[in-house]
Structures are given as C-alpha cells and as structure tokens.
Protein backbone atom coordinates (compact mmCIF):
# COMPACT_ATOMS: atom_id res chain seq x y z
CA MET A 1 45.09 58.40 50.73
CA LEU A 2 44.06 55.36 52.80
CA ARG A 3 40.56 56.75 53.00
CA THR A 4 40.40 57.12 49.24
CA LEU A 5 41.52 53.53 48.63
CA ARG A 6 39.00 52.25 51.13
CA PHE A 7 36.28 54.24 49.38
CA ILE A 8 37.24 52.85 46.04
CA PHE A 9 37.40 49.25 47.32
CA PHE A 10 34.00 49.50 48.91
CA THR A 11 32.57 51.18 45.84
CA VAL A 12 33.84 48.34 43.60
CA VAL A 13 32.52 45.65 46.01
CA LEU A 14 29.16 47.34 46.10
CA PHE A 15 29.05 47.55 42.31
CA VAL A 16 29.86 43.90 42.02
CA LEU A 17 27.21 43.00 44.52
CA VAL A 18 24.59 45.14 42.71
CA LEU A 19 25.63 43.72 39.38
CA SER A 20 25.37 40.14 40.63
CA ALA A 21 21.96 40.89 42.11
CA VAL A 22 20.86 42.28 38.79
CA MET A 23 22.22 39.23 36.86
CA VAL A 24 20.51 36.82 39.24
CA THR A 25 17.28 38.72 38.86
CA ILE A 26 17.61 38.70 35.09
CA LEU A 27 18.40 35.00 35.02
CA ASN A 28 15.41 34.27 37.23
CA ILE A 29 13.14 36.18 34.90
CA TYR A 30 14.85 35.47 31.48
CA LYS A 31 16.27 32.24 30.09
CA PRO A 32 18.81 31.76 27.36
CA MET A 33 17.19 29.87 24.38
CA TYR A 34 17.80 29.33 20.68
CA ARG A 35 15.31 31.40 18.63
CA ALA A 36 14.39 29.59 15.37
CA LYS A 37 13.43 31.70 12.32
CA ILE A 38 12.27 30.57 8.85
CA ASN A 39 12.08 33.23 6.15
CA ASP A 40 12.44 35.95 8.87
CA ASN A 41 9.46 34.54 10.75
CA ILE A 42 9.98 33.43 14.33
CA VAL A 43 8.91 29.79 14.85
CA GLY A 44 9.66 29.46 18.53
CA TYR A 45 12.34 29.26 21.21
CA PHE A 46 14.19 25.90 21.69
CA LYS A 47 16.62 24.61 24.24
CA THR A 48 18.90 23.29 21.45
CA GLU A 49 18.84 23.08 17.68
CA ALA A 50 18.46 19.34 18.13
CA GLU A 51 15.11 19.86 19.96
CA PHE A 52 13.77 21.44 16.76
CA ASP A 53 14.80 18.40 14.70
CA GLU A 54 13.28 16.03 17.20
CA ILE A 55 9.92 17.83 17.13
CA PHE A 56 9.94 18.00 13.30
CA LYS A 57 10.58 14.22 13.09
CA VAL A 58 7.59 13.49 15.40
CA ILE A 59 5.35 15.65 13.22
CA ALA A 60 6.62 14.03 10.02
CA ASP A 61 5.82 10.64 11.45
CA GLU A 62 2.30 11.77 12.32
CA LYS A 63 1.62 12.75 8.73
CA LYS A 64 2.60 9.33 7.33
CA VAL A 65 -0.25 7.25 5.88
CA ASP A 66 0.12 3.45 5.38
CA GLY A 67 0.71 2.61 1.72
CA LEU A 68 1.25 6.14 0.57
CA ASP A 69 4.47 7.88 -0.52
CA VAL A 70 4.72 11.10 1.65
CA LYS A 71 7.25 13.90 1.85
CA VAL A 72 7.23 16.24 4.84
CA TYR A 73 9.45 19.35 4.45
CA LEU A 74 10.02 23.04 5.24
CA ASP A 75 10.16 25.96 2.92
CA SER A 76 13.79 26.55 3.97
CA ASP A 77 16.16 25.49 6.73
CA PRO A 78 15.62 27.19 10.06
CA GLU A 79 18.13 29.83 11.31
CA PHE A 80 19.04 29.75 15.02
CA GLU A 81 20.41 32.55 17.22
CA LEU A 82 20.98 32.69 20.99
CA SER A 83 18.33 34.87 22.63
CA TYR A 84 16.90 35.59 26.11
CA ILE A 85 13.20 35.26 26.66
CA ARG A 86 10.94 35.62 29.71
CA LYS A 87 10.16 32.30 31.38
CA ASN A 88 6.45 33.01 31.38
CA LYS A 89 6.56 33.43 27.54
CA LEU A 90 8.21 30.07 27.22
CA GLU A 91 5.28 28.49 29.18
CA GLU A 92 2.88 30.10 26.68
CA GLN A 93 4.38 28.73 23.53
CA ASN A 94 3.47 25.31 22.04
CA LEU A 95 6.40 24.24 19.96
CA TYR A 96 4.58 21.23 18.36
CA THR A 97 1.74 23.49 17.16
CA GLU A 98 4.20 26.04 15.76
CA VAL A 99 6.28 23.56 13.84
CA ARG A 100 3.17 21.65 12.67
CA GLU A 101 1.85 24.87 11.11
CA ILE A 102 4.93 25.46 9.03
CA ALA A 103 5.56 21.82 8.03
CA LYS A 104 4.50 21.19 4.42
CA THR A 105 3.19 17.77 3.31
CA GLU A 106 3.28 16.16 -0.19
CA TYR A 107 1.54 12.88 -0.91
CA THR A 108 1.99 10.94 -4.11
CA VAL A 109 -1.11 9.24 -5.55
CA TYR A 110 -1.63 7.47 -8.84
CA ASN A 111 -4.63 8.26 -11.06
CA VAL A 112 -6.13 6.12 -13.74
CA MET A 113 -6.77 8.54 -16.55
CA VAL A 114 -9.28 7.75 -19.34
CA LYS A 115 -9.36 10.36 -22.06
CA ASP A 116 -7.47 12.78 -19.74
CA LYS A 117 -10.15 12.40 -17.03
CA THR A 118 -9.38 10.92 -13.63
CA GLU A 119 -11.54 7.78 -13.10
CA MET A 120 -9.73 6.08 -10.19
CA THR A 121 -7.13 7.12 -7.64
CA PHE A 122 -4.81 4.58 -5.93
CA SER A 123 -2.09 4.72 -3.30
CA SER A 124 0.31 2.49 -5.31
CA LYS A 125 1.48 2.60 -8.87
CA GLU A 126 1.15 -1.16 -9.09
CA SER A 127 -2.63 -1.12 -8.31
CA ALA A 128 -3.21 1.61 -10.85
CA GLU A 129 -1.23 -0.10 -13.56
CA ALA A 130 -3.13 -3.39 -12.97
CA TYR A 131 -6.41 -1.72 -13.79
CA VAL A 132 -4.97 0.11 -16.80
CA THR A 133 -3.56 -3.20 -18.17
CA ASP A 134 -6.96 -4.91 -17.97
CA LEU A 135 -8.86 -1.86 -19.24
CA LYS A 136 -6.68 -1.74 -22.33
CA LYS A 137 -7.37 -5.37 -23.02
CA ASN A 138 -11.13 -4.88 -22.75
CA THR A 139 -11.61 -1.52 -24.52
CA LYS A 140 -10.74 -0.29 -27.97
CA GLY A 141 -9.29 3.01 -29.25
CA VAL A 142 -9.38 4.69 -25.77
CA GLU A 143 -6.46 6.60 -24.36
CA ILE A 144 -5.80 5.13 -20.92
CA ALA A 145 -2.74 5.90 -18.73
CA VAL A 146 -1.44 6.11 -15.13
CA LYS A 147 -0.54 9.56 -13.96
CA ALA A 148 1.29 10.36 -10.68
CA GLU A 149 -0.01 13.40 -8.80
CA LYS A 150 1.42 15.34 -5.81
CA ILE A 151 -1.21 16.58 -3.34
CA ALA A 152 -1.05 18.29 0.03
CA GLU A 153 -4.13 16.53 1.54
CA ILE A 154 -5.58 13.11 1.05
CA ASN A 155 -9.22 13.51 -0.08
CA SER A 156 -10.25 9.97 -1.06
CA LEU A 157 -8.79 6.86 -2.57
CA THR A 158 -10.79 4.43 -4.69
CA ASP A 159 -11.51 1.20 -2.74
CA THR A 160 -11.75 -2.22 -4.36
CA ALA A 161 -15.57 -2.33 -4.54
CA LYS A 162 -15.78 1.19 -6.17
CA ALA A 163 -12.90 0.32 -8.58
CA LYS A 164 -14.68 -2.77 -9.78
CA GLU A 165 -17.91 -0.76 -10.38
CA ILE A 166 -15.99 1.93 -12.31
CA TYR A 167 -14.09 -0.73 -14.29
CA THR A 168 -17.34 -2.45 -15.33
CA ASN A 169 -18.92 0.83 -16.44
CA LEU A 170 -15.80 1.79 -18.49
CA VAL A 171 -15.60 -1.63 -20.17
CA SER A 172 -19.30 -1.42 -20.95
CA ARG A 173 -18.88 2.02 -22.45
CA TYR A 174 -15.79 1.45 -24.51
CA LYS A 175 -15.87 -2.31 -25.20
CA PRO A 176 -14.96 -3.34 -28.76
CA GLU A 177 -17.50 -4.77 -31.11
CA GLU A 178 -18.00 -8.45 -30.63
CA LYS A 179 -17.14 -10.79 -33.52
CA LYS A 180 -19.11 -13.87 -34.12
CA VAL A 181 -17.14 -16.96 -33.03
CA VAL A 182 -17.64 -20.37 -34.57
CA ARG A 183 -17.33 -22.90 -31.80
CA LYS A 184 -15.97 -26.33 -32.52
CA LYS A 185 -18.00 -29.30 -31.20
CA VAL A 186 -16.14 -30.93 -28.29
CA THR A 187 -15.99 -34.69 -28.68
CA GLN A 188 -16.35 -37.31 -25.99
CA LYS A 189 -12.73 -38.31 -26.70
CA THR A 190 -11.22 -35.27 -25.07
CA THR A 191 -13.95 -34.13 -22.61
CA ALA A 192 -17.02 -35.36 -20.76
CA SER A 193 -20.04 -33.37 -19.81
CA ALA A 194 -21.03 -33.10 -16.16
CA LYS A 195 -23.23 -30.91 -13.95
CA TYR A 196 -21.85 -29.35 -10.81
CA ASN A 197 -23.75 -26.68 -8.74
CA GLY A 198 -26.27 -26.12 -11.48
CA THR A 199 -23.66 -25.28 -14.20
CA SER A 200 -22.94 -27.60 -17.17
CA THR A 201 -19.26 -27.49 -17.73
CA ALA A 202 -16.47 -29.36 -19.56
CA VAL A 203 -14.46 -31.81 -17.50
CA SER A 204 -11.09 -32.90 -18.86
CA THR A 205 -10.28 -36.56 -19.30
CA ASN A 206 -6.55 -35.85 -19.13
CA ALA A 207 -5.28 -38.26 -16.54
CA SER A 208 -2.72 -35.73 -15.20
CA VAL A 209 -5.57 -33.52 -13.98
CA SER A 210 -7.10 -35.85 -11.41
CA GLY A 211 -5.67 -37.14 -8.17
CA GLY A 212 -4.96 -33.81 -6.49
CA ILE A 213 -5.92 -32.42 -3.08
CA LYS A 214 -8.11 -29.53 -1.93
CA PRO A 215 -5.66 -26.52 -1.89
CA ALA A 216 -7.19 -24.74 1.17
CA SER A 217 -9.69 -25.22 3.98
CA GLY A 218 -12.78 -22.89 4.04
CA THR A 219 -16.15 -22.26 2.44
CA TYR A 220 -16.89 -22.32 -1.26
CA THR A 221 -18.19 -18.85 -2.06
CA GLN A 222 -18.15 -18.84 -5.91
CA TYR A 223 -18.11 -21.67 -8.42
CA TYR A 224 -16.87 -22.07 -11.96
CA LYS A 225 -18.86 -20.42 -14.75
CA SER A 226 -18.17 -18.72 -18.09
CA SER A 227 -17.40 -15.36 -16.40
CA HIS A 228 -15.44 -16.96 -13.47
CA ARG A 229 -12.71 -19.35 -14.56
CA GLY A 230 -12.05 -21.00 -11.19
CA ILE A 231 -13.49 -21.66 -7.76
CA ASP A 232 -13.24 -19.46 -4.65
CA ILE A 233 -12.58 -20.86 -1.20
CA ALA A 234 -12.95 -18.29 1.68
CA SER A 235 -11.42 -18.31 5.12
CA LYS A 236 -9.42 -15.97 7.31
CA SER A 237 -6.29 -14.21 6.08
CA GLY A 238 -3.15 -16.25 6.60
CA THR A 239 -4.87 -19.68 6.05
CA PRO A 240 -2.31 -22.06 4.57
CA ILE A 241 -2.48 -22.73 0.75
CA TYR A 242 -1.30 -26.15 -0.43
CA ALA A 243 -0.03 -27.45 -3.81
CA TYR A 244 -2.78 -29.36 -5.61
CA LYS A 245 -0.24 -31.92 -6.99
CA ALA A 246 3.49 -32.26 -7.35
CA GLY A 247 5.06 -29.96 -9.87
CA LYS A 248 7.30 -26.95 -10.54
CA VAL A 249 6.62 -23.29 -9.57
CA ILE A 250 6.70 -21.27 -12.78
CA TYR A 251 5.28 -17.98 -11.38
CA ALA A 252 5.24 -16.35 -7.96
CA LYS A 253 4.59 -12.58 -8.07
CA TRP A 254 1.93 -9.94 -8.69
CA GLN A 255 -0.40 -10.29 -11.72
CA ALA A 256 -3.07 -7.67 -12.35
CA SER A 257 -6.52 -8.56 -10.90
CA TYR A 258 -5.16 -11.89 -9.52
CA GLY A 259 -3.02 -9.95 -7.01
CA TYR A 260 -0.19 -12.14 -5.63
CA LEU A 261 -0.34 -15.28 -7.67
CA VAL A 262 1.42 -18.70 -7.77
CA LYS A 263 1.33 -20.92 -10.85
CA ILE A 264 2.46 -24.60 -10.71
CA ASP A 265 3.23 -26.64 -13.82
CA HIS A 266 2.21 -30.34 -13.21
CA GLY A 267 3.32 -31.52 -16.69
CA ASP A 268 1.27 -32.82 -19.61
CA GLY A 269 -0.17 -29.29 -20.12
CA VAL A 270 -1.73 -29.04 -16.66
CA ILE A 271 -1.15 -25.82 -14.72
CA THR A 272 -2.83 -24.68 -11.47
CA TYR A 273 -3.35 -21.03 -10.33
CA TYR A 274 -3.46 -19.88 -6.70
CA ALA A 275 -4.55 -16.13 -6.52
CA HIS A 276 -5.17 -13.24 -4.04
CA LEU A 277 -2.42 -14.45 -1.76
CA SER A 278 -0.96 -12.46 1.18
CA ALA A 279 2.44 -14.24 1.35
CA PHE A 280 4.62 -16.76 -0.61
CA ASN A 281 6.33 -19.77 0.81
CA VAL A 282 7.93 -20.75 -2.53
CA LYS A 283 9.57 -18.99 -5.39
CA GLU A 284 9.87 -19.53 -9.11
CA GLY A 285 11.93 -22.60 -10.00
CA ASN A 286 11.09 -24.52 -6.83
CA SER A 287 9.84 -28.10 -7.13
CA VAL A 288 6.88 -28.93 -4.81
CA VAL A 289 5.05 -32.05 -3.71
CA ALA A 290 1.30 -32.56 -3.31
CA GLY A 291 0.05 -30.97 -0.08
CA GLN A 292 3.15 -28.80 0.36
CA LYS A 293 2.44 -25.34 1.82
CA ILE A 294 3.14 -22.84 -0.93
CA ALA A 295 1.55 -19.58 0.27
CA GLU A 296 -1.04 -17.95 2.61
CA MET A 297 -4.52 -16.78 1.88
CA GLY A 298 -5.12 -13.03 1.42
CA SER A 299 -7.17 -10.42 -0.37
CA THR A 300 -4.78 -8.86 -2.90
CA GLY A 301 -5.77 -7.75 -6.42
CA TRP A 302 -9.47 -7.62 -7.23
CA SER A 303 -10.84 -9.18 -4.08
CA THR A 304 -13.59 -8.20 -1.58
CA GLY A 305 -12.25 -10.37 1.26
CA PRO A 306 -9.75 -13.04 2.17
CA HIS A 307 -10.13 -16.08 -0.09
CA LEU A 308 -8.30 -18.40 -2.55
CA HIS A 309 -9.15 -18.24 -6.23
CA PHE A 310 -8.09 -21.65 -7.59
CA GLU A 311 -7.88 -22.55 -11.28
CA ILE A 312 -6.95 -25.64 -13.21
CA ARG A 313 -5.83 -25.10 -16.82
CA VAL A 314 -5.22 -27.76 -19.46
CA ASN A 315 -3.26 -26.47 -22.39
CA ASN A 316 -4.11 -22.97 -21.15
CA VAL A 317 -7.90 -23.75 -21.26
CA PRO A 318 -9.63 -23.28 -17.88
CA ILE A 319 -11.71 -26.27 -16.67
CA ASN A 320 -14.03 -26.66 -13.69
CA PRO A 321 -11.88 -27.41 -10.61
CA TYR A 322 -14.82 -28.52 -8.39
CA PRO A 323 -15.03 -32.13 -9.52
CA TYR A 324 -11.45 -32.69 -8.62
CA ILE A 325 -11.37 -31.09 -5.11
CA LYS A 326 -14.96 -31.45 -3.81
C-alpha cells in the first residue's frame, strides 16, 4: 500500500514538473496578445485594446492637412479577442502599416461651380463664397454656386494667382453688356485736379480728408487708378497698421476680395479702408485715435503677398490716398 502511494505521489510530482516545463516552453515561444479583427479580417496583434486606439490616433493626425476639414475613420469598430502568437511573428508585424492600410480618409473641399462645371477648388467655404459673390456681381445670367465635395485624396487646390486668372477669364466670358454712362462734369468747387505718379485723379477738397498719417511702413507697390481704388503698401506679415485719423470702427471682419478688412468712419462722409489684414486689434464699435494700432499686415483675400490696401472714400466715392499720406 505504501509503495502504491509513493508511486502515485512521484507520478503526480513528475506530471506537474513536466507540465510546468511545457508551460514555460510555450510562454517562451508564444505570447498572449489581443487579436484585432475588422470585418473578419485580422489587422494585427496588440498588447492592449488601448494600443490600437493610440496607433489609430497617430495615423489620423498624420492625415490632417492645414486648412482642410478631414475625417479619418474605419469601416467598422475592431473586435478584440485574446490569442497566443509566436514571438517571432510579433517581430515581423508592423502595426502602423497595418492600421494605416485600413484607415479611410475623407476630405471636404469647396468647388466654385459655373454652369455645373468646376472652375475652382478651395479648402474653405469662405474663400469659395467670396469668389462666387464677386462673380455674380460681374456676370449676367450665369448659374454660379458653391458645392461641397467629399474626396479621399487631395489632388490640387486653386491658389490665389490661378484663381485670379480664372476669375478674369470668367468675367470676360460672361460679363454683361456695358451701358453708356453720362458723366457729370466735376466742378472746382468740390474737387481739384492733380497728377500723382503719372495718373490724373480727383482730389477731394473736403477738409475732413486731410491731416491724417501714413497707415503703415513699407514700399508703395501699386498706386490709385480707375481699376485700383486705393494704394498698396508692402512689408512683412505682421507689420503694424495704424488708424489714418481719429474715428469709429464700423467694420472689422472678412469681406470678399478684401480679405480681413477694417473700416473707420471719420465723420463728414469720410471712411478709410484697411484690407488684406492678418489680425485685428480693434472691433466694431471701438473709437480710435490717429496713429492707434488697429491691425496687422497680412495677405488674406485676393492678395499675392503681405501688404496693406488702403482706401479713402468720401460719400462712398474712392479718392486717391497718395496726396494725403506721401
């Protein structure tokens, strides 16, 4: 009987030792991991479910493009189950590559449609609508609209220079017939004639116009003419913009081709415009004094580089600013 018990005891001990050795061997070869599956397809083996989420977030961030609405998603939520896999197989897998291949991307762009044909493509709805607004003003009987589109890959967006070229061609193609305009003779009582930079222009004799300061430092790059209602002063982005005279801010936001724009009412029908700004230092309703910083130079709206477009208007009629700020 004692011999039988000893045999059983040693048999059990031997079995436990063998089983332990087998388990140690298995654990040295195999590792417990979470197998991720999407639509019955194995994506990879992860230490935790959270590791999958972390990798997906990194990939989603990689697919973002400045200024574009983007959605990164999966066809369905992953399913996880505990599994054992050889360690050498783990070393062969590239989780970032596997997750990147199943991640879907959806970008939103905004097309300017003319007669159901895409003429321009922008990253923001505001930019597209600015061109549509101006196109409708300068064309006649043409169906023009903004249409949002979801795409998987970014092919090309219309840059400022190309947009201006397309805009000019469209206006030329669809512009309304011009009507003859009878121009009234301007008397010396309200205006005086003067030449500045080779261009004969009207200069207001309204006393409220004069006495202001140059609104920004920089180089004059474009002067007043019939097709350009103000004067351009170029410098680096962020250059301070100053109020021409004391007055009240009546506008401080985006306006079509002007981009970010500030308007200041100086009274007696005199209003100044400060366009293509990158930042505001005032808001609508603020009172300002001459020389007060109101904004920073930028290149928003229809602009090919950082500069200030400055206008002076008298009773909403643009006049040449150069004689007053030169």
